Amino acid sequence: MLTSENVKKFAQGQGADLVGIGSMDRFEGTPAGHDPRFIAPRAKSVIGLGFRVLRGSLRGIEEGTHFYQFPEMGIVHIDEVYAPGVLRRVACYLEDHGFEGVVQRSVPDRRRGDDAGSNPEHLPAFKIKFAEPVAPGKPAPDVLMNFNQAAEICGLGAMGRGGFFLTTAFGPLQRFAFILTDAELEPDPVQENLLCDNCGECIKSCPVNAIDKNGVLDEWQCMGGRMGGSLAINPFLSPELVKANPASEPYISGDKRFTEEGIAAIKEAVEEAYPQVRFGYNPSLCGVACQRACLAHLEEKGMLTCKFVTPFRRHSTITDSQLAE
């Protein structure tokens, strides 16, 4: 007999750091274009798989000396390489027991046409604008799940004020993937917000003011920051390079907030200074300051179950002579 317990045990054995299960009826009220019940109408359960982002992948950014490893190992490798393999093996396990496994991996490069924003982690996503429903009563394809909503439904954690998901194990440091299945599995309880204390550190730390006081993220402004569209935060961008691309100057100087047009205006300059990571992902040259501030705060408060010998953030600078010792 297939149970929630043995599904979780198998998924963890295949490399998932977090596993939660939700009932599909918890998606009630979701807009049709994002409701996974239109993807798998017979599904009874959704299995959420969480993959830790290595705390050490942020170390170079925290020190201001190495920016490549966080987006490469903390985003690209998980979403494009690691998580899909685990998804497939868990789905095969379900199908070996006679139940469908409808996999849902991250799709950072596309949005529905009625979505006004974009994905800050990725260059402007392709927008599906002209699709038509294939039958009456169905939304136009592609139906795209909201991963933060699904993670909450699976009882994995809750959203924080900064607009990113928090778990009691890793705080803001995880990525998600999901499986819809017709297996009726015991769901986990939905968690209340156990972590975010509205400290506002995420908002204060954003170098491009992409999060307003209510925690609403301006996705285009966030994207501009991740791409390094500011001389103040991008150590690879020179004033000479900005002068050679005059259309970018109002945005890179901070005189204008980023829009879709603004991202297009800075693209040539910032990519000449520092290119994308693989698969079109942005290089996180803002240093994901919001998530680092959140992580430091949660660790200082002792709120995470994943403990470390030394704190993430040091409040004094290590000198070259200390490093030599």
C-alpha atoms as a PDB file:
ATOM      1  CA  MET A   1       0.000   0.000   0.000  1.00  0.00           C
ATOM      2  CA  LEU A   2       1.312   3.428  -0.952  1.00  0.00           C
ATOM      3  CA  THR A   3       1.371   5.805   2.024  1.00  0.00           C
ATOM      4  CA  SER A   4       2.524   9.343   2.657  1.00  0.00           C
ATOM      5  CA  GLU A   5       5.233   8.004   4.928  1.00  0.00           C
ATOM      6  CA  ASN A   6       6.806   5.727   2.341  1.00  0.00           C
ATOM      7  CA  VAL A   7       6.524   8.365  -0.414  1.00  0.00           C
ATOM      8  CA  LYS A   8       8.377  10.840   1.805  1.00  0.00           C
ATOM      9  CA  LYS A   9      11.001   8.291   2.766  1.00  0.00           C
ATOM     10  CA  PHE A  10      11.619   7.404  -0.877  1.00  0.00           C
ATOM     11  CA  ALA A  11      11.811  11.053  -1.987  1.00  0.00           C
ATOM     12  CA  GLN A  12      14.281  11.894   0.761  1.00  0.00           C
ATOM     13  CA  GLY A  13      16.345   8.879  -0.212  1.00  0.00           C
ATOM     14  CA  GLN A  14      16.476  10.213  -3.774  1.00  0.00           C
ATOM     15  CA  GLY A  15      17.821  13.594  -2.673  1.00  0.00           C
ATOM     16  CA  ALA A  16      14.925  15.823  -1.620  1.00  0.00           C
ATOM     17  CA  ASP A  17      15.766  17.771   1.536  1.00  0.00           C
ATOM     18  CA  LEU A  18      12.142  18.609   2.285  1.00  0.00           C
ATOM     19  CA  VAL A  19       8.976  16.712   1.393  1.00  0.00           C
ATOM     20  CA  GLY A  20       5.406  17.773   2.044  1.00  0.00           C
ATOM     21  CA  ILE A  21       2.045  16.579   0.776  1.00  0.00           C
ATOM     22  CA  GLY A  22      -1.106  18.571   0.153  1.00  0.00           C
ATOM     23  CA  SER A  23      -4.643  17.804  -0.914  1.00  0.00           C
ATOM     24  CA  MET A  24      -5.629  19.077  -4.342  1.00  0.00           C
ATOM     25  CA  ASP A  25      -8.832  20.614  -3.010  1.00  0.00           C
ATOM     26  CA  ARG A  26      -6.642  23.210  -1.288  1.00  0.00           C
ATOM     27  CA  PHE A  27      -6.222  24.845  -4.698  1.00  0.00           C
ATOM     28  CA  GLU A  28      -9.888  25.885  -4.596  1.00  0.00           C
ATOM     29  CA  GLY A  29     -10.200  29.533  -5.610  1.00  0.00           C
ATOM     30  CA  THR A  30      -6.986  29.554  -7.658  1.00  0.00           C
ATOM     31  CA  PRO A  31      -7.323  31.402 -11.005  1.00  0.00           C
ATOM     32  CA  ALA A  32      -7.855  28.844 -13.753  1.00  0.00           C
ATOM     33  CA  GLY A  33      -4.622  29.734 -15.548  1.00  0.00           C
ATOM     34  CA  HIS A  34      -2.643  28.710 -12.460  1.00  0.00           C
ATOM     35  CA  ASP A  35      -4.829  25.884 -11.123  1.00  0.00           C
ATOM     36  CA  PRO A  36      -3.038  22.519 -11.450  1.00  0.00           C
ATOM     37  CA  ARG A  37      -6.361  20.686 -11.293  1.00  0.00           C
ATOM     38  CA  PHE A  38      -6.698  21.594 -14.967  1.00  0.00           C
ATOM     39  CA  ILE A  39      -3.346  19.894 -15.617  1.00  0.00           C
ATOM     40  CA  ALA A  40      -4.238  16.682 -13.777  1.00  0.00           C
ATOM     41  CA  PRO A  41      -8.019  16.591 -13.179  1.00  0.00           C
ATOM     42  CA  ARG A  42      -7.868  13.165 -11.502  1.00  0.00           C
ATOM     43  CA  ALA A  43      -5.108  14.115  -9.109  1.00  0.00           C
ATOM     44  CA  LYS A  44      -5.931  13.852  -5.434  1.00  0.00           C
ATOM     45  CA  SER A  45      -2.582  14.868  -3.959  1.00  0.00           C
ATOM     46  CA  VAL A  46       0.327  17.190  -4.650  1.00  0.00           C
ATOM     47  CA  ILE A  47       3.790  16.210  -3.449  1.00  0.00           C
ATOM     48  CA  GLY A  48       6.162  19.095  -2.763  1.00  0.00           C
ATOM     49  CA  LEU A  49       9.914  18.515  -2.937  1.00  0.00           C
ATOM     50  CA  GLY A  50      12.285  21.072  -1.431  1.00  0.00           C
ATOM     51  CA  PHE A  51      15.995  21.303  -2.264  1.00  0.00           C
ATOM     52  CA  ARG A  52      18.319  23.257  -0.026  1.00  0.00           C
ATOM     53  CA  VAL A  53      20.355  26.099  -1.457  1.00  0.00           C
ATOM     54  CA  LEU A  54      23.837  25.706  -0.030  1.00  0.00           C
ATOM     55  CA  ARG A  55      24.515  28.377   2.548  1.00  0.00           C
ATOM     56  CA  GLY A  56      28.123  28.304   1.377  1.00  0.00           C
ATOM     57  CA  SER A  57      27.079  29.281  -2.141  1.00  0.00           C
ATOM     58  CA  LEU A  58      26.333  32.732  -0.713  1.00  0.00           C
ATOM     59  CA  ARG A  59      29.719  33.110   0.980  1.00  0.00           C
ATOM     60  CA  GLY A  60      31.504  34.756  -1.949  1.00  0.00           C
ATOM     61  CA  ILE A  61      28.652  37.222  -2.417  1.00  0.00           C
ATOM     62  CA  GLU A  62      28.562  37.988   1.304  1.00  0.00           C
ATOM     63  CA  GLU A  63      32.278  38.788   1.175  1.00  0.00           C
ATOM     64  CA  GLY A  64      31.878  40.717  -2.097  1.00  0.00           C
ATOM     65  CA  THR A  65      34.537  38.619  -3.817  1.00  0.00           C
ATOM     66  CA  HIS A  66      32.747  35.958  -5.904  1.00  0.00           C
ATOM     67  CA  PHE A  67      29.339  36.221  -7.568  1.00  0.00           C
ATOM     68  CA  TYR A  68      29.127  33.204  -9.884  1.00  0.00           C
ATOM     69  CA  GLN A  69      28.543  30.245  -7.586  1.00  0.00           C
ATOM     70  CA  PHE A  70      25.289  31.360  -5.987  1.00  0.00           C
ATOM     71  CA  PRO A  71      23.197  31.627  -9.165  1.00  0.00           C
ATOM     72  CA  GLU A  72      24.978  28.647 -10.725  1.00  0.00           C
ATOM     73  CA  MET A  73      24.721  26.213  -7.797  1.00  0.00           C
ATOM     74  CA  GLY A  74      21.907  27.820  -5.829  1.00  0.00           C
ATOM     75  CA  ILE A  75      19.476  28.259  -8.727  1.00  0.00           C
ATOM     76  CA  VAL A  76      20.557  26.865 -12.100  1.00  0.00           C
ATOM     77  CA  HIS A  77      21.985  23.525 -10.966  1.00  0.00           C
ATOM     78  CA  ILE A  78      19.011  22.764  -8.722  1.00  0.00           C
ATOM     79  CA  ASP A  79      16.285  23.795 -11.180  1.00  0.00           C
ATOM     80  CA  GLU A  80      17.862  22.531 -14.381  1.00  0.00           C
ATOM     81  CA  VAL A  81      19.946  19.521 -13.309  1.00  0.00           C
ATOM     82  CA  TYR A  82      19.332  18.165  -9.829  1.00  0.00           C
ATOM     83  CA  ALA A  83      15.602  18.581  -9.159  1.00  0.00           C
ATOM     84  CA  PRO A  84      14.417  17.128 -12.518  1.00  0.00           C
ATOM     85  CA  GLY A  85      16.236  13.862 -11.816  1.00  0.00           C
ATOM     86  CA  VAL A  86      14.670  13.542  -8.372  1.00  0.00           C
ATOM     87  CA  LEU A  87      11.256  14.435  -9.810  1.00  0.00           C
ATOM     88  CA  ARG A  88      11.542  11.673 -12.383  1.00  0.00           C
ATOM     89  CA  ARG A  89      12.623   9.020  -9.882  1.00  0.00           C
ATOM     90  CA  VAL A  90       9.817   9.852  -7.450  1.00  0.00           C
ATOM     91  CA  ALA A  91       7.282   9.894 -10.312  1.00  0.00           C
ATOM     92  CA  CYS A  92       8.569   6.495 -11.460  1.00  0.00           C
ATOM     93  CA  TYR A  93       8.097   5.234  -7.897  1.00  0.00           C
ATOM     94  CA  LEU A  94       4.474   6.382  -7.998  1.00  0.00           C
ATOM     95  CA  GLU A  95       3.909   4.808 -11.406  1.00  0.00           C
ATOM     96  CA  ASP A  96       5.496   1.548 -10.224  1.00  0.00           C
ATOM     97  CA  HIS A  97       2.677   1.491  -7.661  1.00  0.00           C
ATOM     98  CA  GLY A  98       0.012   2.130 -10.295  1.00  0.00           C
ATOM     99  CA  PHE A  99      -0.453   5.878  -9.862  1.00  0.00           C
ATOM    100  CA  GLU A 100       0.353   8.719 -12.246  1.00  0.00           C
ATOM    101  CA  GLY A 101       3.144  11.112 -11.415  1.00  0.00           C
ATOM    102  CA  VAL A 102       2.595  14.448 -13.195  1.00  0.00           C
ATOM    103  CA  VAL A 103       5.874  16.312 -12.737  1.00  0.00           C
ATOM    104  CA  GLN A 104       6.055  20.088 -12.395  1.00  0.00           C
ATOM    105  CA  ARG A 105       9.562  21.505 -12.554  1.00  0.00           C
ATOM    106  CA  SER A 106      10.507  25.181 -12.431  1.00  0.00           C
ATOM    107  CA  VAL A 107       9.684  27.115 -15.623  1.00  0.00           C
ATOM    108  CA  PRO A 108      11.500  30.436 -15.185  1.00  0.00           C
ATOM    109  CA  ASP A 109      11.476  31.325 -18.872  1.00  0.00           C
ATOM    110  CA  ARG A 110       7.721  31.680 -19.411  1.00  0.00           C
ATOM    111  CA  ARG A 111       4.710  33.520 -18.040  1.00  0.00           C
ATOM    112  CA  ARG A 112       1.068  33.698 -18.974  1.00  0.00           C
ATOM    113  CA  GLY A 113       0.190  36.653 -21.138  1.00  0.00           C
ATOM    114  CA  ASP A 114      -1.972  38.283 -18.468  1.00  0.00           C
ATOM    115  CA  ASP A 115       0.925  38.411 -15.977  1.00  0.00           C
ATOM    116  CA  ALA A 116       2.206  42.000 -15.813  1.00  0.00           C
ATOM    117  CA  GLY A 117       5.617  41.229 -14.309  1.00  0.00           C
ATOM    118  CA  SER A 118       8.465  38.913 -15.096  1.00  0.00           C
ATOM    119  CA  ASN A 119      10.789  36.510 -13.285  1.00  0.00           C
ATOM    120  CA  PRO A 120      13.637  38.516 -11.718  1.00  0.00           C
ATOM    121  CA  GLU A 121      15.898  35.457 -11.755  1.00  0.00           C
ATOM    122  CA  HIS A 122      15.632  35.108 -15.513  1.00  0.00           C
ATOM    123  CA  LEU A 123      15.779  37.438 -18.485  1.00  0.00           C
ATOM    124  CA  PRO A 124      12.314  38.635 -19.565  1.00  0.00           C
ATOM    125  CA  ALA A 125      10.231  35.524 -19.837  1.00  0.00           C
ATOM    126  CA  PHE A 126       8.365  34.494 -22.961  1.00  0.00           C
ATOM    127  CA  LYS A 127       4.732  35.451 -22.490  1.00  0.00           C
ATOM    128  CA  ILE A 128       2.084  33.077 -23.789  1.00  0.00           C
ATOM    129  CA  LYS A 129      -0.316  35.636 -25.254  1.00  0.00           C
ATOM    130  CA  PHE A 130      -2.238  34.001 -28.070  1.00  0.00           C
ATOM    131  CA  ALA A 131      -3.120  30.511 -26.815  1.00  0.00           C
ATOM    132  CA  GLU A 132      -6.743  29.406 -27.062  1.00  0.00           C
ATOM    133  CA  PRO A 133      -8.592  26.836 -24.909  1.00  0.00           C
ATOM    134  CA  VAL A 134      -8.688  23.435 -26.574  1.00  0.00           C
ATOM    135  CA  ALA A 135     -12.182  22.679 -25.207  1.00  0.00           C
ATOM    136  CA  PRO A 136     -15.049  24.495 -23.463  1.00  0.00           C
ATOM    137  CA  GLY A 137     -14.515  24.906 -19.732  1.00  0.00           C
ATOM    138  CA  LYS A 138     -10.751  24.696 -19.931  1.00  0.00           C
ATOM    139  CA  PRO A 139      -8.288  27.578 -19.559  1.00  0.00           C
ATOM    140  CA  ALA A 140      -5.870  28.351 -22.367  1.00  0.00           C
ATOM    141  CA  PRO A 141      -2.570  26.491 -22.144  1.00  0.00           C
ATOM    142  CA  ASP A 142      -0.059  26.534 -20.600  1.00  0.00           C
ATOM    143  CA  VAL A 143      -1.462  26.370 -17.069  1.00  0.00           C
ATOM    144  CA  LEU A 144       1.449  27.401 -14.829  1.00  0.00           C
ATOM    145  CA  MET A 145       1.422  26.563 -11.127  1.00  0.00           C
ATOM    146  CA  ASN A 146       2.343  29.144  -8.527  1.00  0.00           C
ATOM    147  CA  PHE A 147       5.163  27.343  -6.728  1.00  0.00           C
ATOM    148  CA  ASN A 148       4.951  29.456  -3.568  1.00  0.00           C
ATOM    149  CA  GLN A 149       1.242  28.691  -3.270  1.00  0.00           C
ATOM    150  CA  ALA A 150       1.877  24.988  -3.866  1.00  0.00           C
ATOM    151  CA  ALA A 151       4.625  24.893  -1.237  1.00  0.00           C
ATOM    152  CA  GLU A 152       2.226  26.389   1.304  1.00  0.00           C
ATOM    153  CA  ILE A 153      -0.449  23.868   0.329  1.00  0.00           C
ATOM    154  CA  CYS A 154       2.077  21.066   0.943  1.00  0.00           C
ATOM    155  CA  GLY A 155       2.760  22.370   4.453  1.00  0.00           C
ATOM    156  CA  LEU A 156       6.400  23.203   3.714  1.00  0.00           C
ATOM    157  CA  GLY A 157       6.381  26.719   5.169  1.00  0.00           C
ATOM    158  CA  ALA A 158       4.981  30.164   4.464  1.00  0.00           C
ATOM    159  CA  MET A 159       5.739  33.381   2.636  1.00  0.00           C
ATOM    160  CA  GLY A 160       7.745  36.086   4.362  1.00  0.00           C
ATOM    161  CA  ARG A 161       7.370  39.841   4.078  1.00  0.00           C
ATOM    162  CA  GLY A 162      10.135  40.067   1.474  1.00  0.00           C
ATOM    163  CA  GLY A 163       8.124  38.087  -1.070  1.00  0.00           C
ATOM    164  CA  PHE A 164      10.109  34.864  -0.787  1.00  0.00           C
ATOM    165  CA  PHE A 165       9.262  31.544   0.828  1.00  0.00           C
ATOM    166  CA  LEU A 166      10.553  30.583   4.281  1.00  0.00           C
ATOM    167  CA  THR A 167      10.961  27.140   5.839  1.00  0.00           C
ATOM    168  CA  THR A 168      11.909  26.341   9.419  1.00  0.00           C
ATOM    169  CA  ALA A 169      14.878  24.298   8.184  1.00  0.00           C
ATOM    170  CA  PHE A 170      16.602  26.655   5.744  1.00  0.00           C
ATOM    171  CA  GLY A 171      14.832  30.012   5.988  1.00  0.00           C
ATOM    172  CA  PRO A 172      14.847  31.524   2.465  1.00  0.00           C
ATOM    173  CA  LEU A 173      17.346  29.022   1.052  1.00  0.00           C
ATOM    174  CA  GLN A 174      15.480  26.343  -0.924  1.00  0.00           C
ATOM    175  CA  ARG A 175      13.997  25.634  -4.355  1.00  0.00           C
ATOM    176  CA  PHE A 176      10.853  23.606  -5.072  1.00  0.00           C
ATOM    177  CA  ALA A 177       9.430  21.083  -7.522  1.00  0.00           C
ATOM    178  CA  PHE A 178       6.094  19.254  -7.430  1.00  0.00           C
ATOM    179  CA  ILE A 179       4.306  16.088  -8.493  1.00  0.00           C
ATOM    180  CA  LEU A 180       0.553  15.823  -9.006  1.00  0.00           C
ATOM    181  CA  THR A 181      -0.759  12.316  -8.455  1.00  0.00           C
ATOM    182  CA  ASP A 182      -4.015  10.398  -8.373  1.00  0.00           C
ATOM    183  CA  ALA A 183      -2.758   8.582  -5.262  1.00  0.00           C
ATOM    184  CA  GLU A 184      -4.787   9.687  -2.247  1.00  0.00           C
ATOM    185  CA  LEU A 185      -2.130  10.459   0.332  1.00  0.00           C
ATOM    186  CA  GLU A 186      -2.452  11.806   3.873  1.00  0.00           C
ATOM    187  CA  PRO A 187      -1.844  15.574   3.608  1.00  0.00           C
ATOM    188  CA  ASP A 188       0.368  17.595   5.909  1.00  0.00           C
ATOM    189  CA  PRO A 189      -1.184  20.501   7.798  1.00  0.00           C
ATOM    190  CA  VAL A 190      -0.761  23.933   6.273  1.00  0.00           C
ATOM    191  CA  GLN A 191       1.718  25.902   8.379  1.00  0.00           C
ATOM    192  CA  GLU A 192       1.046  29.308   9.787  1.00  0.00           C
ATOM    193  CA  ASN A 193       3.791  31.887   9.418  1.00  0.00           C
ATOM    194  CA  LEU A 194       6.301  30.559  11.945  1.00  0.00           C
ATOM    195  CA  LEU A 195       9.321  32.641  10.970  1.00  0.00           C
ATOM    196  CA  CYS A 196       8.704  36.104   9.542  1.00  0.00           C
ATOM    197  CA  ASP A 197       8.490  38.618  12.398  1.00  0.00           C
ATOM    198  CA  ASN A 198       8.111  41.625  10.081  1.00  0.00           C
ATOM    199  CA  CYS A 199      11.557  42.908  11.021  1.00  0.00           C
ATOM    200  CA  GLY A 200      11.829  44.611   7.622  1.00  0.00           C
ATOM    201  CA  GLU A 201      15.491  43.712   7.140  1.00  0.00           C
ATOM    202  CA  CYS A 202      14.722  42.336   3.670  1.00  0.00           C
ATOM    203  CA  ILE A 203      13.154  45.634   2.613  1.00  0.00           C
ATOM    204  CA  LYS A 204      15.903  47.811   4.096  1.00  0.00           C
ATOM    205  CA  SER A 205      18.682  45.732   2.558  1.00  0.00           C
ATOM    206  CA  CYS A 206      17.486  45.828  -1.073  1.00  0.00           C
ATOM    207  CA  PRO A 207      20.007  48.062  -2.877  1.00  0.00           C
ATOM    208  CA  VAL A 208      17.527  49.065  -5.598  1.00  0.00           C
ATOM    209  CA  ASN A 209      14.407  49.477  -3.421  1.00  0.00           C
ATOM    210  CA  ALA A 210      12.499  46.739  -5.198  1.00  0.00           C
ATOM    211  CA  ILE A 211      10.314  45.830  -2.181  1.00  0.00           C
ATOM    212  CA  ASP A 212       7.820  48.367  -0.875  1.00  0.00           C
ATOM    213  CA  LYS A 213       6.944  48.822   2.804  1.00  0.00           C
ATOM    214  CA  ASN A 214       4.065  46.357   2.456  1.00  0.00           C
ATOM    215  CA  GLY A 215       6.345  43.657   1.087  1.00  0.00           C
ATOM    216  CA  VAL A 216       5.154  43.948  -2.529  1.00  0.00           C
ATOM    217  CA  LEU A 217       7.937  43.110  -4.977  1.00  0.00           C
ATOM    218  CA  ASP A 218       8.465  45.223  -8.089  1.00  0.00           C
ATOM    219  CA  GLU A 219       9.614  42.378 -10.328  1.00  0.00           C
ATOM    220  CA  TRP A 220      11.151  44.575 -13.029  1.00  0.00           C
ATOM    221  CA  GLN A 221      13.084  46.632 -10.478  1.00  0.00           C
ATOM    222  CA  CYS A 222      14.269  43.409  -8.841  1.00  0.00           C
ATOM    223  CA  MET A 223      15.380  42.086 -12.222  1.00  0.00           C
ATOM    224  CA  GLY A 224      17.367  45.254 -12.865  1.00  0.00           C
ATOM    225  CA  GLY A 225      19.154  44.750  -9.581  1.00  0.00           C
ATOM    226  CA  ARG A 226      19.931  41.095 -10.247  1.00  0.00           C
ATOM    227  CA  MET A 227      21.334  41.951 -13.665  1.00  0.00           C
ATOM    228  CA  GLY A 228      23.611  44.528 -12.046  1.00  0.00           C
ATOM    229  CA  GLY A 229      21.889  47.588 -13.445  1.00  0.00           C
ATOM    230  CA  SER A 230      23.489  49.995 -10.976  1.00  0.00           C
ATOM    231  CA  LEU A 231      27.007  51.363 -10.700  1.00  0.00           C
ATOM    232  CA  ALA A 232      26.545  51.457  -6.934  1.00  0.00           C
ATOM    233  CA  ILE A 233      26.162  47.687  -6.592  1.00  0.00           C
ATOM    234  CA  ASN A 234      27.839  46.164  -9.658  1.00  0.00           C
ATOM    235  CA  PRO A 235      31.618  45.798  -9.187  1.00  0.00           C
ATOM    236  CA  PHE A 236      32.019  44.707 -12.802  1.00  0.00           C
ATOM    237  CA  LEU A 237      30.351  47.728 -14.406  1.00  0.00           C
ATOM    238  CA  SER A 238      32.430  50.789 -15.308  1.00  0.00           C
ATOM    239  CA  PRO A 239      31.301  54.397 -15.947  1.00  0.00           C
ATOM    240  CA  GLU A 240      32.955  54.167 -19.368  1.00  0.00           C
ATOM    241  CA  LEU A 241      30.784  51.214 -20.314  1.00  0.00           C
ATOM    242  CA  VAL A 242      27.664  53.108 -19.260  1.00  0.00           C
ATOM    243  CA  LYS A 243      28.700  56.152 -21.328  1.00  0.00           C
ATOM    244  CA  ALA A 244      29.085  53.877 -24.343  1.00  0.00           C
ATOM    245  CA  ASN A 245      25.424  52.830 -23.887  1.00  0.00           C
ATOM    246  CA  PRO A 246      23.660  56.178 -23.177  1.00  0.00           C
ATOM    247  CA  ALA A 247      20.138  54.685 -23.207  1.00  0.00           C
ATOM    248  CA  SER A 248      21.068  52.720 -20.090  1.00  0.00           C
ATOM    249  CA  GLU A 249      22.279  55.714 -18.064  1.00  0.00           C
ATOM    250  CA  PRO A 250      18.952  56.908 -16.537  1.00  0.00           C
ATOM    251  CA  TYR A 251      18.282  53.418 -15.203  1.00  0.00           C
ATOM    252  CA  ILE A 252      21.804  52.589 -14.073  1.00  0.00           C
ATOM    253  CA  SER A 253      22.077  55.958 -12.303  1.00  0.00           C
ATOM    254  CA  GLY A 254      18.814  55.283 -10.478  1.00  0.00           C
ATOM    255  CA  ASP A 255      16.972  58.236 -12.006  1.00  0.00           C
ATOM    256  CA  LYS A 256      14.411  55.853 -13.521  1.00  0.00           C
ATOM    257  CA  ARG A 257      12.925  52.713 -12.081  1.00  0.00           C
ATOM    258  CA  PHE A 258      13.166  49.612 -14.215  1.00  0.00           C
ATOM    259  CA  THR A 259      10.403  48.573 -16.573  1.00  0.00           C
ATOM    260  CA  GLU A 260      10.417  46.081 -19.411  1.00  0.00           C
ATOM    261  CA  GLU A 261      11.823  48.861 -21.600  1.00  0.00           C
ATOM    262  CA  GLY A 262      14.438  49.710 -18.987  1.00  0.00           C
ATOM    263  CA  ILE A 263      15.675  46.126 -18.861  1.00  0.00           C
ATOM    264  CA  ALA A 264      16.084  46.190 -22.643  1.00  0.00           C
ATOM    265  CA  ALA A 265      18.004  49.484 -22.350  1.00  0.00           C
ATOM    266  CA  ILE A 266      20.602  48.138 -19.882  1.00  0.00           C
ATOM    267  CA  LYS A 267      20.955  44.628 -21.314  1.00  0.00           C
ATOM    268  CA  GLU A 268      23.901  45.290 -23.620  1.00  0.00           C
ATOM    269  CA  ALA A 269      25.912  47.240 -21.047  1.00  0.00           C
ATOM    270  CA  VAL A 270      25.434  44.904 -18.094  1.00  0.00           C
ATOM    271  CA  GLU A 271      26.017  41.739 -20.146  1.00  0.00           C
ATOM    272  CA  GLU A 272      29.216  43.172 -21.549  1.00  0.00           C
ATOM    273  CA  ALA A 273      30.336  43.727 -17.953  1.00  0.00           C
ATOM    274  CA  TYR A 274      29.107  40.336 -16.644  1.00  0.00           C
ATOM    275  CA  PRO A 275      27.147  37.825 -18.742  1.00  0.00           C
ATOM    276  CA  GLN A 276      24.229  35.613 -17.852  1.00  0.00           C
ATOM    277  CA  VAL A 277      24.744  32.319 -16.112  1.00  0.00           C
ATOM    278  CA  ARG A 278      23.583  29.182 -17.970  1.00  0.00           C
ATOM    279  CA  PHE A 279      20.109  28.905 -19.530  1.00  0.00           C
ATOM    280  CA  GLY A 280      19.511  32.670 -19.471  1.00  0.00           C
ATOM    281  CA  TYR A 281      19.533  33.100 -15.682  1.00  0.00           C
ATOM    282  CA  ASN A 282      20.556  36.464 -14.273  1.00  0.00           C
ATOM    283  CA  PRO A 283      23.807  36.535 -12.289  1.00  0.00           C
ATOM    284  CA  SER A 284      22.396  37.952  -8.978  1.00  0.00           C
ATOM    285  CA  LEU A 285      24.721  40.965  -8.905  1.00  0.00           C
ATOM    286  CA  CYS A 286      22.466  42.617  -6.325  1.00  0.00           C
ATOM    287  CA  GLY A 287      23.917  39.946  -4.067  1.00  0.00           C
ATOM    288  CA  VAL A 288      20.379  38.756  -3.179  1.00  0.00           C
ATOM    289  CA  ALA A 289      20.772  41.152  -0.274  1.00  0.00           C
ATOM    290  CA  CYS A 290      17.169  40.608   0.852  1.00  0.00           C
ATOM    291  CA  GLN A 291      17.626  36.871   1.359  1.00  0.00           C
ATOM    292  CA  ARG A 292      21.034  37.276   2.993  1.00  0.00           C
ATOM    293  CA  ALA A 293      19.613  39.798   5.456  1.00  0.00           C
ATOM    294  CA  CYS A 294      16.695  37.486   6.198  1.00  0.00           C
ATOM    295  CA  LEU A 295      18.996  34.505   6.719  1.00  0.00           C
ATOM    296  CA  ALA A 296      21.271  36.463   9.045  1.00  0.00           C
ATOM    297  CA  HIS A 297      18.283  37.685  11.073  1.00  0.00           C
ATOM    298  CA  LEU A 298      16.701  34.237  11.418  1.00  0.00           C
ATOM    299  CA  GLU A 299      20.012  32.672  12.452  1.00  0.00           C
ATOM    300  CA  GLU A 300      20.683  35.394  15.020  1.00  0.00           C
ATOM    301  CA  LYS A 301      17.237  34.750  16.497  1.00  0.00           C
ATOM    302  CA  GLY A 302      17.908  30.977  16.591  1.00  0.00           C
ATOM    303  CA  MET A 303      14.782  30.274  14.542  1.00  0.00           C
ATOM    304  CA  LEU A 304      16.132  27.726  12.046  1.00  0.00           C
ATOM    305  CA  THR A 305      16.507  24.002  12.702  1.00  0.00           C
ATOM    306  CA  CYS A 306      19.527  23.727  10.387  1.00  0.00           C
ATOM    307  CA  LYS A 307      22.341  24.924  12.660  1.00  0.00           C
ATOM    308  CA  PHE A 308      25.916  25.995  11.894  1.00  0.00           C
ATOM    309  CA  VAL A 309      29.034  26.281  14.019  1.00  0.00           C
ATOM    310  CA  THR A 310      29.651  29.884  12.935  1.00  0.00           C
ATOM    311  CA  PRO A 311      27.072  32.607  12.141  1.00  0.00           C
ATOM    312  CA  PHE A 312      26.377  33.473   8.525  1.00  0.00           C
ATOM    313  CA  ARG A 313      27.080  37.167   8.977  1.00  0.00           C
ATOM    314  CA  ARG A 314      30.093  38.506  10.800  1.00  0.00           C
ATOM    315  CA  HIS A 315      29.870  42.033  12.116  1.00  0.00           C
ATOM    316  CA  SER A 316      33.580  42.803  11.861  1.00  0.00           C
ATOM    317  CA  THR A 317      35.907  42.750   8.872  1.00  0.00           C
ATOM    318  CA  ILE A 318      38.640  40.120   8.723  1.00  0.00           C
ATOM    319  CA  THR A 319      41.942  41.689   7.762  1.00  0.00           C
ATOM    320  CA  ASP A 320      44.486  40.263   5.361  1.00  0.00           C
ATOM    321  CA  SER A 321      46.820  39.517   8.250  1.00  0.00           C
ATOM    322  CA  GLN A 322      44.123  37.539  10.033  1.00  0.00           C
ATOM    323  CA  LEU A 323      43.486  35.543   6.866  1.00  0.00           C
ATOM    324  CA  ALA A 324      47.200  34.792   6.595  1.00  0.00           C
ATOM    325  CA  GLU A 325      47.180  33.381  10.109  1.00  0.00           C
END
